[in-house]
Amino acid sequence: MPQMIQRTETCPICRMPVKTDGAEYVEKREGRLYFFCAPGCRDKFLAGACCAKPKGRWGHFLDRLAKANAKEFGTSGPSCCN
């Protein structure tokens, strides 16, 4: 009996792992397949181009850093840099 290789991809919206074998929510954009964990994630992907390319670890780190800075200093930035 042949052994199936099970592969997972990351949902570009919520970053959850999705099994590619028999995946129900799949979209193709610019020659690449994107796998989604739920129809809501697929709908968000189709609604805007912002999610077309996953951010990766560095992009998520920069988002968290920007939110932390906005919380600490507000939208104008630190007072020492004005």
C-alpha atoms as a PDB file:
ATOM      1  CA  MET A   1       0.000   0.000   0.000  1.00  0.00           C
ATOM      2  CA  PRO A   2       1.532   3.355  -1.013  1.00  0.00           C
ATOM      3  CA  GLN A   3       2.152   5.789   1.786  1.00  0.00           C
ATOM      4  CA  MET A   4       0.524   9.205   1.449  1.00  0.00           C
ATOM      5  CA  ILE A   5       2.688  12.221   2.184  1.00  0.00           C
ATOM      6  CA  GLN A   6       0.643  14.654   4.191  1.00  0.00           C
ATOM      7  CA  ARG A   7       1.564  18.251   3.584  1.00  0.00           C
ATOM      8  CA  THR A   8       0.352  21.377   5.320  1.00  0.00           C
ATOM      9  CA  GLU A   9       0.314  25.001   4.262  1.00  0.00           C
ATOM     10  CA  THR A  10      -0.360  28.057   6.376  1.00  0.00           C
ATOM     11  CA  CYS A  11      -3.613  29.974   5.980  1.00  0.00           C
ATOM     12  CA  PRO A  12      -2.529  33.452   4.772  1.00  0.00           C
ATOM     13  CA  ILE A  13      -5.168  35.166   6.913  1.00  0.00           C
ATOM     14  CA  CYS A  14      -5.043  33.567  10.374  1.00  0.00           C
ATOM     15  CA  ARG A  15      -1.771  31.600  10.034  1.00  0.00           C
ATOM     16  CA  MET A  16      -3.373  28.256  11.012  1.00  0.00           C
ATOM     17  CA  PRO A  17      -1.971  25.084   9.423  1.00  0.00           C
ATOM     18  CA  VAL A  18      -4.168  23.610   6.676  1.00  0.00           C
ATOM     19  CA  LYS A  19      -3.813  20.087   5.281  1.00  0.00           C
ATOM     20  CA  THR A  20      -3.468  20.306   1.513  1.00  0.00           C
ATOM     21  CA  ASP A  21      -4.827  16.804   0.810  1.00  0.00           C
ATOM     22  CA  GLY A  22      -8.507  17.291   0.038  1.00  0.00           C
ATOM     23  CA  ALA A  23      -8.521  20.928   1.161  1.00  0.00           C
ATOM     24  CA  GLU A  24     -11.963  22.426   0.722  1.00  0.00           C
ATOM     25  CA  TYR A  25     -11.056  26.122   0.543  1.00  0.00           C
ATOM     26  CA  VAL A  26      -8.419  26.771  -2.112  1.00  0.00           C
ATOM     27  CA  GLU A  27      -7.846  29.792  -4.348  1.00  0.00           C
ATOM     28  CA  LYS A  28      -5.332  30.349  -7.100  1.00  0.00           C
ATOM     29  CA  ARG A  29      -3.781  33.776  -7.607  1.00  0.00           C
ATOM     30  CA  GLU A  30      -0.905  34.622  -9.930  1.00  0.00           C
ATOM     31  CA  GLY A  31      -0.102  30.948 -10.432  1.00  0.00           C
ATOM     32  CA  ARG A  32       0.102  30.144  -6.718  1.00  0.00           C
ATOM     33  CA  LEU A  33      -2.343  28.093  -4.670  1.00  0.00           C
ATOM     34  CA  TYR A  34      -3.513  29.462  -1.330  1.00  0.00           C
ATOM     35  CA  PHE A  35      -5.147  27.164   1.228  1.00  0.00           C
ATOM     36  CA  PHE A  36      -7.635  28.443   3.822  1.00  0.00           C
ATOM     37  CA  CYS A  37      -8.906  26.960   7.060  1.00  0.00           C
ATOM     38  CA  ALA A  38     -12.425  28.397   6.738  1.00  0.00           C
ATOM     39  CA  PRO A  39     -14.673  30.152   4.213  1.00  0.00           C
ATOM     40  CA  GLY A  40     -14.375  33.423   6.167  1.00  0.00           C
ATOM     41  CA  CYS A  41     -10.609  33.468   5.674  1.00  0.00           C
ATOM     42  CA  ARG A  42     -11.039  32.785   1.968  1.00  0.00           C
ATOM     43  CA  ASP A  43     -13.587  35.614   1.702  1.00  0.00           C
ATOM     44  CA  LYS A  44     -11.207  38.070   3.405  1.00  0.00           C
ATOM     45  CA  PHE A  45      -8.472  37.010   1.002  1.00  0.00           C
ATOM     46  CA  LEU A  46     -10.728  37.553  -2.014  1.00  0.00           C
ATOM     47  CA  ALA A  47     -11.950  40.925  -0.710  1.00  0.00           C
ATOM     48  CA  GLY A  48      -8.577  42.631  -0.618  1.00  0.00           C
ATOM     49  CA  ALA A  49      -5.138  42.451  -2.105  1.00  0.00           C
ATOM     50  CA  CYS A  50      -3.542  43.149   1.298  1.00  0.00           C
ATOM     51  CA  CYS A  51      -3.538  39.470   2.137  1.00  0.00           C
ATOM     52  CA  ALA A  52      -2.320  38.254  -1.237  1.00  0.00           C
ATOM     53  CA  LYS A  53       1.182  37.677   0.065  1.00  0.00           C
ATOM     54  CA  PRO A  54       1.727  36.366   3.582  1.00  0.00           C
ATOM     55  CA  LYS A  55       3.778  38.684   5.772  1.00  0.00           C
ATOM     56  CA  GLY A  56       5.993  36.053   7.340  1.00  0.00           C
ATOM     57  CA  ARG A  57       7.644  36.298  10.721  1.00  0.00           C
ATOM     58  CA  TRP A  58       9.402  39.590  10.041  1.00  0.00           C
ATOM     59  CA  GLY A  59       6.212  41.324   8.883  1.00  0.00           C
ATOM     60  CA  HIS A  60       4.293  40.114  11.940  1.00  0.00           C
ATOM     61  CA  PHE A  61       7.126  41.291  14.211  1.00  0.00           C
ATOM     62  CA  LEU A  62       7.050  44.766  12.636  1.00  0.00           C
ATOM     63  CA  ASP A  63       3.259  44.931  13.041  1.00  0.00           C
ATOM     64  CA  ARG A  64       3.537  44.067  16.740  1.00  0.00           C
ATOM     65  CA  LEU A  65       6.332  46.612  17.178  1.00  0.00           C
ATOM     66  CA  ALA A  66       4.288  49.354  15.502  1.00  0.00           C
ATOM     67  CA  LYS A  67       1.273  48.591  17.726  1.00  0.00           C
ATOM     68  CA  ALA A  68       3.444  48.637  20.857  1.00  0.00           C
ATOM     69  CA  ASN A  69       4.993  51.967  19.830  1.00  0.00           C
ATOM     70  CA  ALA A  70       1.582  53.479  19.097  1.00  0.00           C
ATOM     71  CA  LYS A  71       0.330  52.316  22.491  1.00  0.00           C
ATOM     72  CA  GLU A  72       3.373  53.731  24.296  1.00  0.00           C
ATOM     73  CA  PHE A  73       3.900  56.985  22.403  1.00  0.00           C
ATOM     74  CA  GLY A  74       0.662  57.598  20.501  1.00  0.00           C
ATOM     75  CA  THR A  75       0.582  58.224  16.769  1.00  0.00           C
ATOM     76  CA  SER A  76       3.015  61.160  16.910  1.00  0.00           C
ATOM     77  CA  GLY A  77       5.958  59.069  18.155  1.00  0.00           C
ATOM     78  CA  PRO A  78       8.279  59.674  21.104  1.00  0.00           C
ATOM     79  CA  SER A  79       8.659  63.291  22.265  1.00  0.00           C
ATOM     80  CA  CYS A  80      12.459  63.153  22.028  1.00  0.00           C
ATOM     81  CA  CYS A  81      12.285  62.816  18.233  1.00  0.00           C
ATOM     82  CA  ASN A  82      10.048  65.801  17.463  1.00  0.00           C
END
